[in-house]
Amino acid sequence: MQTPFVSPDFLYRIEEAQDLVADACVCDESHHLIFLSIWGRDTATQEFLARLTLGTGENGLDRFHLVTAESASIPVGVANAHLLEKRSTRTFQGTLFGSMIHVWLLDPRCVKPDKSNGSALAILPKGDARSTERLWSLVQDTCPLPLLPHWRDTTLDLLREREMLTRLAFALGDVEGYRVALNIPTLTAAIGALIRSGSLRVEELAPAEPRLAKVA
């Protein structure tokens, strides 16, 4: 996973955990959690994470709500919380609120592609100038086909057209999410057709030499 830079321009309150705030969240099209960045005291953080793994009958949570700047309450579903990666990224001692920690909760495909199913996720800084390069690297890591470096732009256009590379529908904070969902038979046929048509070449074309103007 590429480390996203998260800007704390606005902190989103978590209704079910009053002592915690989030500065970024990414969800899929069903509003299920893909990535969450939270700040708080260690005890409050551990309690929240534990409640996500418990059943609702045990004071557990299968969803929580983020409050936006406009006071809207946005539900975030949590499925299979025990499978989510948990990473403590920073610890701050001696703040006005005591010892504070910064934790990421994320889908494991953000860390390691599921190559057997051609599936991966990416969390990137919003407006990142290197997003194309990072997404291409993720596609190469996920795809079993040998994708040559100079095929990048044509292949990414193909993936977007076939909806095998899509932007995730919901994001709060200075991050955005992308999903790679490769249909290998379809992609194999499409790549083969582009090679036969000459749109993709095994050898990279050398740049054309500049032509000198003829002197009369």
Protein backbone atom coordinates (compact mmCIF):
# COMPACT_ATOMS: atom_id res chain seq x y z
CA MET A 1 0.00 0.00 0.00
CA GLN A 2 1.30 3.44 -0.87
CA THR A 3 1.22 5.59 2.28
CA PRO A 4 -1.40 8.33 1.82
CA PHE A 5 -0.79 11.81 3.16
CA VAL A 6 -3.82 12.72 5.23
CA SER A 7 -4.49 16.38 5.92
CA PRO A 8 -6.40 17.11 9.16
CA ASP A 9 -8.25 20.12 7.71
CA PHE A 10 -11.44 18.65 9.13
CA LEU A 11 -11.98 15.91 11.68
CA TYR A 12 -15.10 13.76 11.42
CA ARG A 13 -16.73 12.77 14.70
CA ILE A 14 -17.69 9.11 15.15
CA GLU A 15 -21.15 8.96 16.70
CA GLU A 16 -20.63 5.56 18.33
CA ALA A 17 -17.19 6.48 19.76
CA GLN A 18 -17.28 10.01 21.10
CA ASP A 19 -13.61 9.99 22.11
CA LEU A 20 -12.43 9.24 18.56
CA VAL A 21 -12.28 11.30 15.37
CA ALA A 22 -11.53 10.34 11.78
CA ASP A 23 -9.64 12.39 9.21
CA ALA A 24 -10.23 10.07 6.23
CA CYS A 25 -12.57 7.30 5.18
CA VAL A 26 -13.09 5.39 1.92
CA CYS A 27 -16.02 3.07 1.21
CA ASP A 28 -17.17 0.88 -1.66
CA GLU A 29 -20.41 1.30 -3.61
CA SER A 30 -22.35 -0.42 -0.81
CA HIS A 31 -20.86 1.96 1.80
CA HIS A 32 -18.79 -0.81 3.34
CA LEU A 33 -15.50 0.20 4.87
CA ILE A 34 -12.33 0.07 2.74
CA PHE A 35 -10.09 2.49 4.66
CA LEU A 36 -10.43 4.46 7.89
CA SER A 37 -7.93 6.78 9.56
CA ILE A 38 -8.75 7.52 13.21
CA TRP A 39 -7.21 9.47 16.08
CA GLY A 40 -7.78 9.06 19.82
CA ARG A 41 -6.56 7.71 23.10
CA ASP A 42 -5.29 4.15 23.07
CA THR A 43 -8.02 2.79 25.35
CA ALA A 44 -10.83 4.41 23.35
CA THR A 45 -9.31 3.18 20.09
CA GLN A 46 -8.94 -0.39 21.31
CA GLU A 47 -12.52 -0.40 22.61
CA PHE A 48 -13.84 0.79 19.24
CA LEU A 49 -11.83 -1.80 17.32
CA ALA A 50 -12.99 -4.55 19.68
CA ARG A 51 -16.66 -3.56 19.25
CA LEU A 52 -16.32 -3.92 15.48
CA THR A 53 -15.47 -7.60 15.92
CA LEU A 54 -18.36 -8.37 18.29
CA GLY A 55 -21.96 -9.21 17.42
CA THR A 56 -24.56 -6.49 17.87
CA GLY A 57 -26.04 -8.46 20.77
CA GLU A 58 -22.73 -8.07 22.64
CA ASN A 59 -22.63 -4.26 22.30
CA GLY A 60 -20.75 -4.76 19.05
CA LEU A 61 -20.97 -2.68 15.89
CA ASP A 62 -21.67 -3.75 12.33
CA ARG A 63 -21.70 -0.10 11.26
CA PHE A 64 -20.81 3.33 12.58
CA HIS A 65 -21.62 6.92 11.57
CA LEU A 66 -19.34 9.81 10.60
CA VAL A 67 -20.54 13.38 11.11
CA THR A 68 -19.52 15.79 8.33
CA ALA A 69 -18.95 19.56 8.44
CA GLU A 70 -22.57 19.99 7.38
CA SER A 71 -23.68 17.84 10.36
CA ALA A 72 -24.76 15.02 8.05
CA SER A 73 -24.51 11.55 9.57
CA ILE A 74 -22.98 9.08 7.11
CA PRO A 75 -23.32 5.33 7.81
CA VAL A 76 -20.30 3.12 7.22
CA GLY A 77 -20.86 -0.64 7.19
CA VAL A 78 -18.25 -3.05 8.48
CA ALA A 79 -18.26 -6.60 7.12
CA ASN A 80 -15.79 -9.23 8.37
CA ALA A 81 -14.03 -6.81 10.70
CA HIS A 82 -11.67 -9.57 11.86
CA LEU A 83 -10.18 -9.65 8.35
CA LEU A 84 -9.33 -5.94 8.28
CA GLU A 85 -5.70 -4.85 8.64
CA LYS A 86 -4.97 -2.66 11.68
CA ARG A 87 -1.92 -0.40 11.67
CA SER A 88 -0.85 2.06 14.32
CA THR A 89 1.06 4.74 12.44
CA ARG A 90 1.94 7.38 14.99
CA THR A 91 1.91 8.00 18.74
CA PHE A 92 1.80 11.47 20.27
CA GLN A 93 2.73 11.88 23.94
CA GLY A 94 1.84 14.78 26.22
CA THR A 95 -0.91 16.41 24.15
CA LEU A 96 -3.76 18.43 25.72
CA PHE A 97 -5.83 15.24 25.51
CA GLY A 98 -3.19 12.90 26.90
CA SER A 99 -1.43 10.24 24.84
CA MET A 100 -2.92 10.06 21.32
CA ILE A 101 -2.47 7.38 18.67
CA HIS A 102 -3.22 7.33 14.95
CA VAL A 103 -4.60 4.08 13.56
CA TRP A 104 -5.49 2.86 10.07
CA LEU A 105 -8.15 0.21 9.54
CA LEU A 106 -8.14 -1.11 5.99
CA ASP A 107 -9.14 -3.87 3.62
CA PRO A 108 -6.17 -6.26 3.20
CA ARG A 109 -6.30 -5.82 -0.59
CA CYS A 110 -5.01 -2.27 0.02
CA VAL A 111 -1.80 -3.90 1.25
CA LYS A 112 -1.51 -6.97 -0.96
CA PRO A 113 -3.38 -7.70 -4.22
CA ASP A 114 -5.54 -10.81 -4.42
CA LYS A 115 -3.82 -12.19 -7.51
CA SER A 116 -5.90 -15.37 -7.67
CA ASN A 117 -9.03 -13.27 -8.20
CA GLY A 118 -7.37 -10.35 -10.02
CA SER A 119 -8.53 -7.95 -7.33
CA ALA A 120 -6.77 -5.07 -5.57
CA LEU A 121 -7.49 -1.73 -3.91
CA ALA A 122 -5.51 1.51 -3.75
CA ILE A 123 -5.78 4.46 -1.39
CA LEU A 124 -4.01 7.50 -2.81
CA PRO A 125 -3.66 11.16 -1.85
CA LYS A 126 -6.32 13.21 -3.60
CA GLY A 127 -4.93 14.87 -6.73
CA ASP A 128 -1.65 12.95 -6.49
CA ALA A 129 0.55 13.71 -9.51
CA ARG A 130 1.87 10.13 -9.38
CA SER A 131 -1.53 8.42 -9.32
CA THR A 132 -1.20 7.07 -12.88
CA GLU A 133 2.22 5.59 -12.12
CA ARG A 134 0.98 4.06 -8.85
CA LEU A 135 -2.15 2.57 -10.41
CA TRP A 136 -0.12 1.08 -13.26
CA SER A 137 2.26 -0.52 -10.78
CA LEU A 138 -0.74 -1.98 -8.92
CA VAL A 139 -2.23 -3.37 -12.14
CA GLN A 140 1.10 -5.01 -13.04
CA ASP A 141 1.33 -6.56 -9.57
CA THR A 142 -2.25 -7.87 -9.78
CA CYS A 143 -2.38 -9.12 -13.37
CA PRO A 144 -0.94 -12.55 -14.28
CA LEU A 145 -0.30 -11.34 -17.85
CA PRO A 146 3.12 -9.89 -18.72
CA LEU A 147 2.25 -6.21 -19.21
CA LEU A 148 5.13 -4.30 -20.79
CA PRO A 149 5.99 -0.87 -19.38
CA HIS A 150 5.23 1.03 -22.61
CA TRP A 151 1.71 -0.44 -22.70
CA ARG A 152 0.74 1.65 -19.68
CA ASP A 153 -1.54 4.33 -21.14
CA THR A 154 -3.31 2.06 -23.65
CA THR A 155 -3.87 -0.67 -21.05
CA LEU A 156 -5.14 1.72 -18.38
CA ASP A 157 -7.58 3.23 -20.89
CA LEU A 158 -8.78 -0.27 -21.73
CA LEU A 159 -9.26 -1.17 -18.06
CA ARG A 160 -11.24 2.00 -17.39
CA GLU A 161 -13.39 1.42 -20.49
CA ARG A 162 -14.17 -2.16 -19.39
CA GLU A 163 -14.68 -1.03 -15.76
CA MET A 164 -11.83 -3.19 -14.53
CA LEU A 165 -10.27 -0.06 -13.01
CA THR A 166 -12.76 2.18 -11.24
CA ARG A 167 -12.71 4.95 -8.70
CA LEU A 168 -14.47 4.09 -5.45
CA ALA A 169 -17.69 5.99 -4.98
CA PHE A 170 -17.22 7.46 -1.50
CA ALA A 171 -14.28 9.19 0.17
CA LEU A 172 -13.91 11.72 2.98
CA GLY A 173 -10.69 13.62 3.61
CA ASP A 174 -7.70 14.16 1.34
CA VAL A 175 -7.70 10.64 -0.08
CA GLU A 176 -9.39 8.75 -2.91
CA GLY A 177 -9.82 5.06 -3.53
CA TYR A 178 -9.54 2.84 -6.62
CA ARG A 179 -10.55 -0.74 -7.31
CA VAL A 180 -8.81 -3.14 -9.71
CA ALA A 181 -11.15 -6.01 -10.67
CA LEU A 182 -9.61 -7.90 -13.58
CA ASN A 183 -11.58 -10.28 -15.77
CA ILE A 184 -8.58 -12.25 -16.98
CA PRO A 185 -10.20 -14.02 -20.00
CA THR A 186 -11.71 -10.74 -21.23
CA LEU A 187 -8.47 -8.84 -20.65
CA THR A 188 -6.41 -11.54 -22.39
CA ALA A 189 -8.62 -11.37 -25.47
CA ALA A 190 -8.56 -7.56 -25.52
CA ILE A 191 -4.76 -7.37 -25.14
CA GLY A 192 -4.36 -9.95 -27.93
CA ALA A 193 -6.61 -7.91 -30.24
CA LEU A 194 -4.60 -4.74 -29.54
CA ILE A 195 -1.34 -6.57 -30.32
CA ARG A 196 -2.72 -7.93 -33.61
CA SER A 197 -3.99 -4.49 -34.62
CA GLY A 198 -0.62 -2.90 -33.88
CA SER A 199 -1.95 -0.70 -31.06
CA LEU A 200 0.36 -2.56 -28.69
CA ARG A 201 3.86 -3.53 -29.78
CA VAL A 202 6.39 -5.82 -28.17
CA GLU A 203 9.16 -3.36 -28.94
CA GLU A 204 8.78 0.24 -27.85
CA LEU A 205 8.88 2.63 -30.78
CA ALA A 206 11.88 4.94 -30.76
CA PRO A 207 11.05 8.66 -30.84
CA ALA A 208 11.12 10.11 -34.30
CA GLU A 209 14.22 12.03 -35.26
CA PRO A 210 13.55 15.76 -35.76
CA ARG A 211 13.59 16.74 -39.42
CA LEU A 212 15.88 19.55 -40.52
CA ALA A 213 14.38 22.20 -42.73
CA LYS A 214 15.80 22.23 -46.24
CA VAL A 215 17.90 25.21 -47.10
CA ALA A 216 16.95 26.69 -50.45
